[in-house]
Protein backbone atom coordinates (compact mmCIF):
# COMPACT_ATOMS: atom_id res chain seq x y z
CA MET A 1 129.75 19.45 138.64
CA SER A 2 126.88 18.15 140.76
CA LYS A 3 127.61 15.87 143.63
CA LYS A 4 127.10 12.30 142.40
CA ILE A 5 130.19 10.10 142.50
CA GLY A 6 130.46 6.49 141.34
CA VAL A 7 133.15 4.27 142.88
CA LEU A 8 134.01 0.91 141.30
CA GLY A 9 135.41 -1.56 143.80
CA SER A 10 134.55 -1.73 147.50
CA GLY A 11 137.88 -3.05 148.76
CA GLN A 12 140.36 -1.16 150.93
CA MET A 13 140.85 1.65 148.41
CA GLY A 14 137.36 1.89 146.92
CA GLY A 15 135.69 1.79 150.33
CA GLY A 16 138.02 4.51 151.59
CA ILE A 17 137.35 6.71 148.55
CA ALA A 18 133.59 6.24 148.98
CA GLN A 19 133.88 7.19 152.66
CA VAL A 20 135.81 10.43 152.16
CA PHE A 21 133.40 11.65 149.46
CA ALA A 22 130.34 10.68 151.53
CA GLN A 23 131.74 12.50 154.57
CA LYS A 24 131.91 15.69 152.49
CA GLY A 25 128.26 15.42 151.51
CA PHE A 26 128.63 13.83 148.08
CA GLU A 27 126.11 11.25 146.92
CA VAL A 28 128.10 8.05 146.34
CA VAL A 29 127.14 4.95 144.37
CA LEU A 30 129.49 2.13 145.41
CA PHE A 31 129.67 -0.73 142.90
CA ASP A 32 131.18 -4.17 143.19
CA ILE A 33 130.67 -7.48 141.41
CA ALA A 34 130.05 -9.43 144.66
CA GLU A 35 127.48 -8.80 147.40
CA LYS A 36 129.88 -10.28 149.97
CA GLN A 37 132.54 -7.71 149.05
CA LEU A 38 130.05 -4.83 149.29
CA THR A 39 128.91 -6.00 152.74
CA LYS A 40 132.52 -6.27 153.89
CA GLY A 41 133.35 -2.85 152.41
CA MET A 42 130.47 -1.14 154.20
CA ALA A 43 131.43 -2.87 157.48
CA VAL A 44 134.96 -1.42 157.16
CA ILE A 45 133.54 2.06 156.49
CA GLU A 46 131.34 1.77 159.58
CA LYS A 47 134.31 0.61 161.65
CA ASN A 48 136.38 3.58 160.41
CA LEU A 49 133.60 6.02 161.30
CA ASN A 50 133.18 4.49 164.77
CA ARG A 51 136.91 4.95 165.30
CA GLN A 52 136.55 8.63 164.37
CA ILE A 53 133.71 8.97 166.91
CA GLU A 54 135.92 7.40 169.62
CA LYS A 55 138.66 9.94 168.79
CA GLY A 56 136.15 12.81 168.98
CA LYS A 57 136.63 13.76 165.32
CA ILE A 58 132.97 13.28 164.35
CA ASP A 59 129.66 12.69 166.14
CA LYS A 60 127.00 10.00 165.61
CA ASP A 61 124.86 12.30 163.46
CA SER A 62 127.82 12.76 161.07
CA MET A 63 128.28 9.00 160.89
CA THR A 64 124.58 8.47 160.12
CA ALA A 65 124.70 11.16 157.42
CA THR A 66 127.84 9.66 155.86
CA LEU A 67 126.38 6.15 155.69
CA GLY A 68 123.17 7.63 154.27
CA ASN A 69 125.17 9.19 151.42
CA ILE A 70 126.41 5.79 150.20
CA ARG A 71 124.26 3.48 148.08
CA THR A 72 125.67 0.07 147.15
CA THR A 73 124.92 -1.75 143.91
CA LEU A 74 125.82 -4.83 141.89
CA VAL A 75 124.48 -3.19 138.70
CA LEU A 76 126.98 -1.03 136.82
CA GLU A 77 124.16 0.80 135.03
CA ASP A 78 123.28 2.41 138.37
CA LEU A 79 126.32 4.66 137.79
CA ALA A 80 124.88 5.96 134.50
CA ASP A 81 124.00 9.44 135.85
CA CYS A 82 127.15 9.93 137.95
CA ASP A 83 129.22 13.02 137.19
CA LEU A 84 132.46 11.26 138.08
CA ALA A 85 133.31 7.57 138.24
CA ILE A 86 136.48 6.47 140.06
CA GLU A 87 137.79 3.00 139.28
CA ALA A 88 139.48 1.29 142.22
CA ALA A 89 139.81 -2.27 140.95
CA THR A 90 142.80 -4.62 141.15
CA GLU A 91 146.05 -3.31 139.63
CA ASN A 92 145.59 -5.30 136.42
CA GLU A 93 145.96 -3.48 133.12
CA GLN A 94 143.60 -5.58 130.99
CA LEU A 95 140.91 -5.48 133.69
CA LYS A 96 141.13 -1.68 133.81
CA TYR A 97 140.79 -1.45 130.02
CA GLU A 98 137.66 -3.60 130.18
CA ILE A 99 136.19 -1.45 132.97
CA PHE A 100 136.87 1.82 131.15
CA ARG A 101 135.37 0.55 127.89
CA THR A 102 132.21 -0.34 129.83
CA LEU A 103 132.15 2.95 131.76
CA ASP A 104 132.53 4.89 128.51
CA LYS A 105 129.40 3.20 127.12
CA THR A 106 127.45 3.43 130.40
CA LEU A 107 128.03 6.94 131.77
CA LYS A 108 126.62 10.14 130.31
CA PRO A 109 128.96 11.78 127.73
CA GLU A 110 129.95 14.70 130.00
CA ALA A 111 131.00 12.47 132.92
CA ILE A 112 134.64 12.28 133.98
CA LEU A 113 136.28 8.85 134.28
CA ALA A 114 139.11 8.57 136.82
CA SER A 115 141.41 5.71 137.77
CA ASN A 116 142.93 5.09 141.18
CA THR A 117 145.72 3.13 139.49
CA SER A 118 149.01 3.43 141.33
CA SER A 119 151.23 2.79 138.32
CA ILE A 120 149.50 2.19 134.94
CA PRO A 121 149.79 5.12 132.49
CA ILE A 122 146.55 7.09 132.15
CA THR A 123 147.11 7.73 128.44
CA ARG A 124 146.86 3.98 127.77
CA ILE A 125 143.66 3.69 129.83
CA ALA A 126 142.13 6.77 128.17
CA ALA A 127 142.86 5.39 124.69
CA VAL A 128 140.29 2.57 125.07
CA THR A 129 137.51 5.16 125.58
CA GLY A 130 135.88 7.67 123.27
CA ARG A 131 136.44 10.49 125.78
CA ALA A 132 140.20 10.67 126.37
CA ASP A 133 139.81 14.36 127.28
CA LYS A 134 137.67 13.33 130.26
CA VAL A 135 139.96 10.59 131.63
CA ILE A 136 142.37 11.34 134.50
CA GLY A 137 144.31 9.62 137.27
CA MET A 138 143.29 10.11 140.92
CA HIS A 139 145.70 8.02 142.97
CA PHE A 140 144.56 8.10 146.59
CA MET A 141 146.96 6.88 149.29
CA ASN A 142 146.20 4.01 151.68
CA PRO A 143 144.41 4.28 154.10
CA VAL A 144 142.34 6.85 152.21
CA PRO A 145 140.53 8.48 155.18
CA VAL A 146 143.87 9.11 156.95
CA MET A 147 146.34 9.98 154.18
CA ALA A 148 146.35 13.59 153.00
CA LEU A 149 147.70 13.10 149.46
CA VAL A 150 146.02 12.50 146.10
CA GLU A 151 148.32 12.10 143.11
CA VAL A 152 146.63 13.59 140.04
CA ILE A 153 147.85 12.39 136.65
CA ARG A 154 146.91 13.95 133.33
CA GLY A 155 146.90 11.70 130.28
CA MET A 156 148.14 13.07 126.97
CA ASP A 157 144.64 14.22 126.02
CA THR A 158 143.19 15.14 129.45
CA SER A 159 141.55 18.55 129.06
CA ASP A 160 142.21 21.62 131.20
CA ASP A 161 138.54 21.57 132.27
CA THR A 162 138.81 17.98 133.49
CA PHE A 163 141.99 18.75 135.41
CA ALA A 164 140.46 21.89 136.98
CA THR A 165 137.35 19.96 138.07
CA ILE A 166 139.42 17.22 139.74
CA ALA A 167 141.76 19.75 141.39
CA SER A 168 138.70 21.47 142.86
CA LEU A 169 137.30 18.14 144.10
CA VAL A 170 140.57 17.22 145.82
CA ALA A 171 140.46 20.54 147.67
CA LYS A 172 136.84 19.90 148.72
CA LEU A 173 137.99 16.61 150.28
CA ASP A 174 140.53 18.61 152.34
CA LYS A 175 143.36 16.70 150.70
CA GLU A 176 146.60 17.87 149.10
CA MET A 177 147.29 17.33 145.40
CA ALA A 178 150.59 16.35 143.82
CA VAL A 179 150.55 16.54 140.01
CA SER A 180 152.54 13.91 138.12
CA ALA A 181 153.45 13.48 134.48
CA ASP A 182 152.02 10.31 132.96
CA TYR A 183 154.94 7.90 133.32
CA PRO A 184 154.77 4.43 134.94
CA GLY A 185 154.57 4.61 138.74
CA PHE A 186 153.96 8.39 138.72
CA ILE A 187 155.75 10.02 141.71
CA VAL A 188 155.10 7.98 144.84
CA ASN A 189 155.44 4.44 143.56
CA ARG A 190 158.31 5.25 141.22
CA VAL A 191 160.31 6.18 144.33
CA LEU A 192 158.71 3.87 146.93
CA MET A 193 158.52 0.54 145.10
CA PRO A 194 162.18 0.32 144.09
CA MET A 195 163.04 1.00 147.76
CA ILE A 196 160.79 -1.87 148.85
CA ASN A 197 162.19 -4.08 146.08
CA GLU A 198 165.75 -3.28 147.22
CA ALA A 199 164.81 -4.21 150.80
CA VAL A 200 163.56 -7.56 149.46
CA PHE A 201 166.88 -8.00 147.59
CA ALA A 202 168.75 -7.29 150.86
CA LEU A 203 166.76 -10.08 152.54
CA TYR A 204 167.16 -12.39 149.51
CA GLU A 205 170.95 -11.89 149.49
CA GLY A 206 171.27 -12.46 153.25
CA VAL A 207 172.38 -8.91 154.06
CA ALA A 208 170.20 -8.96 157.20
CA SER A 209 167.04 -10.41 158.69
CA ALA A 210 163.65 -8.91 157.83
CA GLU A 211 163.48 -7.50 161.35
CA ASP A 212 166.88 -5.81 161.09
CA ILE A 213 166.21 -4.43 157.61
CA ASP A 214 162.99 -2.86 158.90
CA LYS A 215 164.63 -1.66 162.10
CA GLY A 216 167.48 -0.09 160.13
CA MET A 217 165.15 1.84 157.82
CA LYS A 218 162.66 2.76 160.54
CA LEU A 219 165.16 4.05 163.09
CA GLY A 220 167.91 5.06 160.65
CA THR A 221 165.74 7.10 158.27
CA ASN A 222 162.79 7.95 160.56
CA GLN A 223 160.16 6.07 158.52
CA PRO A 224 156.96 5.14 160.38
CA MET A 225 157.36 1.48 159.38
CA GLY A 226 160.08 -0.57 157.69
CA PRO A 227 159.85 -1.36 153.95
CA LEU A 228 159.09 -5.08 154.42
CA THR A 229 156.33 -4.34 156.94
CA LEU A 230 154.98 -1.74 154.50
CA ALA A 231 155.11 -4.27 151.64
CA ASP A 232 153.02 -6.69 153.73
CA PHE A 233 150.56 -3.88 154.45
CA ILE A 234 150.25 -2.88 150.76
CA GLY A 235 150.11 -6.50 149.56
CA LEU A 236 153.05 -8.28 147.94
CA ASP A 237 150.93 -9.04 144.86
CA THR A 238 150.31 -5.29 144.43
CA CYS A 239 154.01 -4.50 144.97
CA LEU A 240 154.98 -7.06 142.33
CA ALA A 241 152.35 -5.77 139.88
CA ILE A 242 153.71 -2.22 140.23
CA MET A 243 157.33 -3.36 139.83
CA GLU A 244 156.33 -5.21 136.65
CA VAL A 245 154.64 -2.06 135.29
CA LEU A 246 157.83 -0.08 136.03
CA TYR A 247 160.08 -2.77 134.51
CA ASP A 248 157.93 -3.14 131.37
CA GLY A 249 157.40 0.62 131.03
CA PHE A 250 161.02 1.76 131.35
CA LYS A 251 162.86 -1.41 130.14
CA ASP A 252 165.47 -0.61 132.81
CA SER A 253 167.04 -3.42 134.87
CA LYS A 254 166.96 -1.29 138.03
CA TYR A 255 163.21 -2.04 138.18
CA ARG A 256 163.62 -5.84 137.92
CA PRO A 257 161.42 -7.46 140.61
CA CYS A 258 163.41 -9.42 143.19
CA PRO A 259 163.05 -13.21 142.66
CA LEU A 260 162.06 -13.56 146.34
CA LEU A 261 159.14 -11.15 145.83
CA VAL A 262 158.03 -13.21 142.83
CA LYS A 263 158.26 -16.48 144.82
CA LYS A 264 156.28 -15.03 147.75
CA VAL A 265 153.47 -14.03 145.40
CA GLU A 266 153.55 -17.40 143.61
CA ALA A 267 153.17 -19.07 147.03
CA GLY A 268 150.17 -16.90 147.89
CA HIS A 269 152.06 -15.10 150.67
CA TYR A 270 150.58 -11.67 149.98
CA GLY A 271 151.14 -10.10 153.40
CA ARG A 272 148.53 -9.04 155.94
CA LYS A 273 145.53 -9.90 153.76
CA SER A 274 146.62 -13.55 153.37
CA GLY A 275 148.03 -13.89 156.91
CA ARG A 276 151.59 -14.35 155.72
CA GLY A 277 154.16 -12.30 153.84
CA PHE A 278 157.59 -11.31 155.14
CA TYR A 279 155.97 -11.73 158.56
CA ALA A 280 153.21 -13.98 159.89
CA TYR A 281 149.87 -12.48 160.95
CA SER A 282 147.23 -14.14 163.09
């Protein structure tokens, strides 16, 4: 594989994915549908790199080189000659199908199509393309430049060659790979999201305050942050979307989203990004 990577979506995840590839010398084409979002995404990447300079992890020349490796575009056809395209759009199943149908028509036949989905089965996404053998899941963790893990998910028809190529790429990014079977939620979110959902139920049922639930889990189980704080960081809309994928996929009541989580999302209280979730943010 040559070194040209397309990334679709310049938000928190897409921008982070673009950054880590660019820092390793890959040529990155970063696509979004809005100029404003691309500008914001590049500003976040620059801020992240400046933070790395302050910590002595990189120098200014490295930052300049990294930024030089990223080209932004509003035209999807600019990804046509990429060897790998990674979709990092909103966790919405129909949207992902639409994106993958378009990518399948746009990219060269030998290109690999990957999704950063955190919960939607890869087999379903691959089925809307004419290259199911070249479709795979690459679920990066948030924040991408900091977190060491990439979950790799093979669809039913993902080829050995595609898997080997992606495994090699993950190693080149100096990240660790965890391989998951293609079931809703994969490994991380199948375990994490029900824990967050149960914390929301504990709040909903008056077991304890949000602060005490988080304190209990943080100090009692040595987690870096409590589950409700983490939910606000991830985005309550994303948490709900993943719980709904789990609930629909397994038809098991243990994955039923807490009514309080649903209400918060209906009210637009998404967490940090909206300024209000289980906590208020200035």
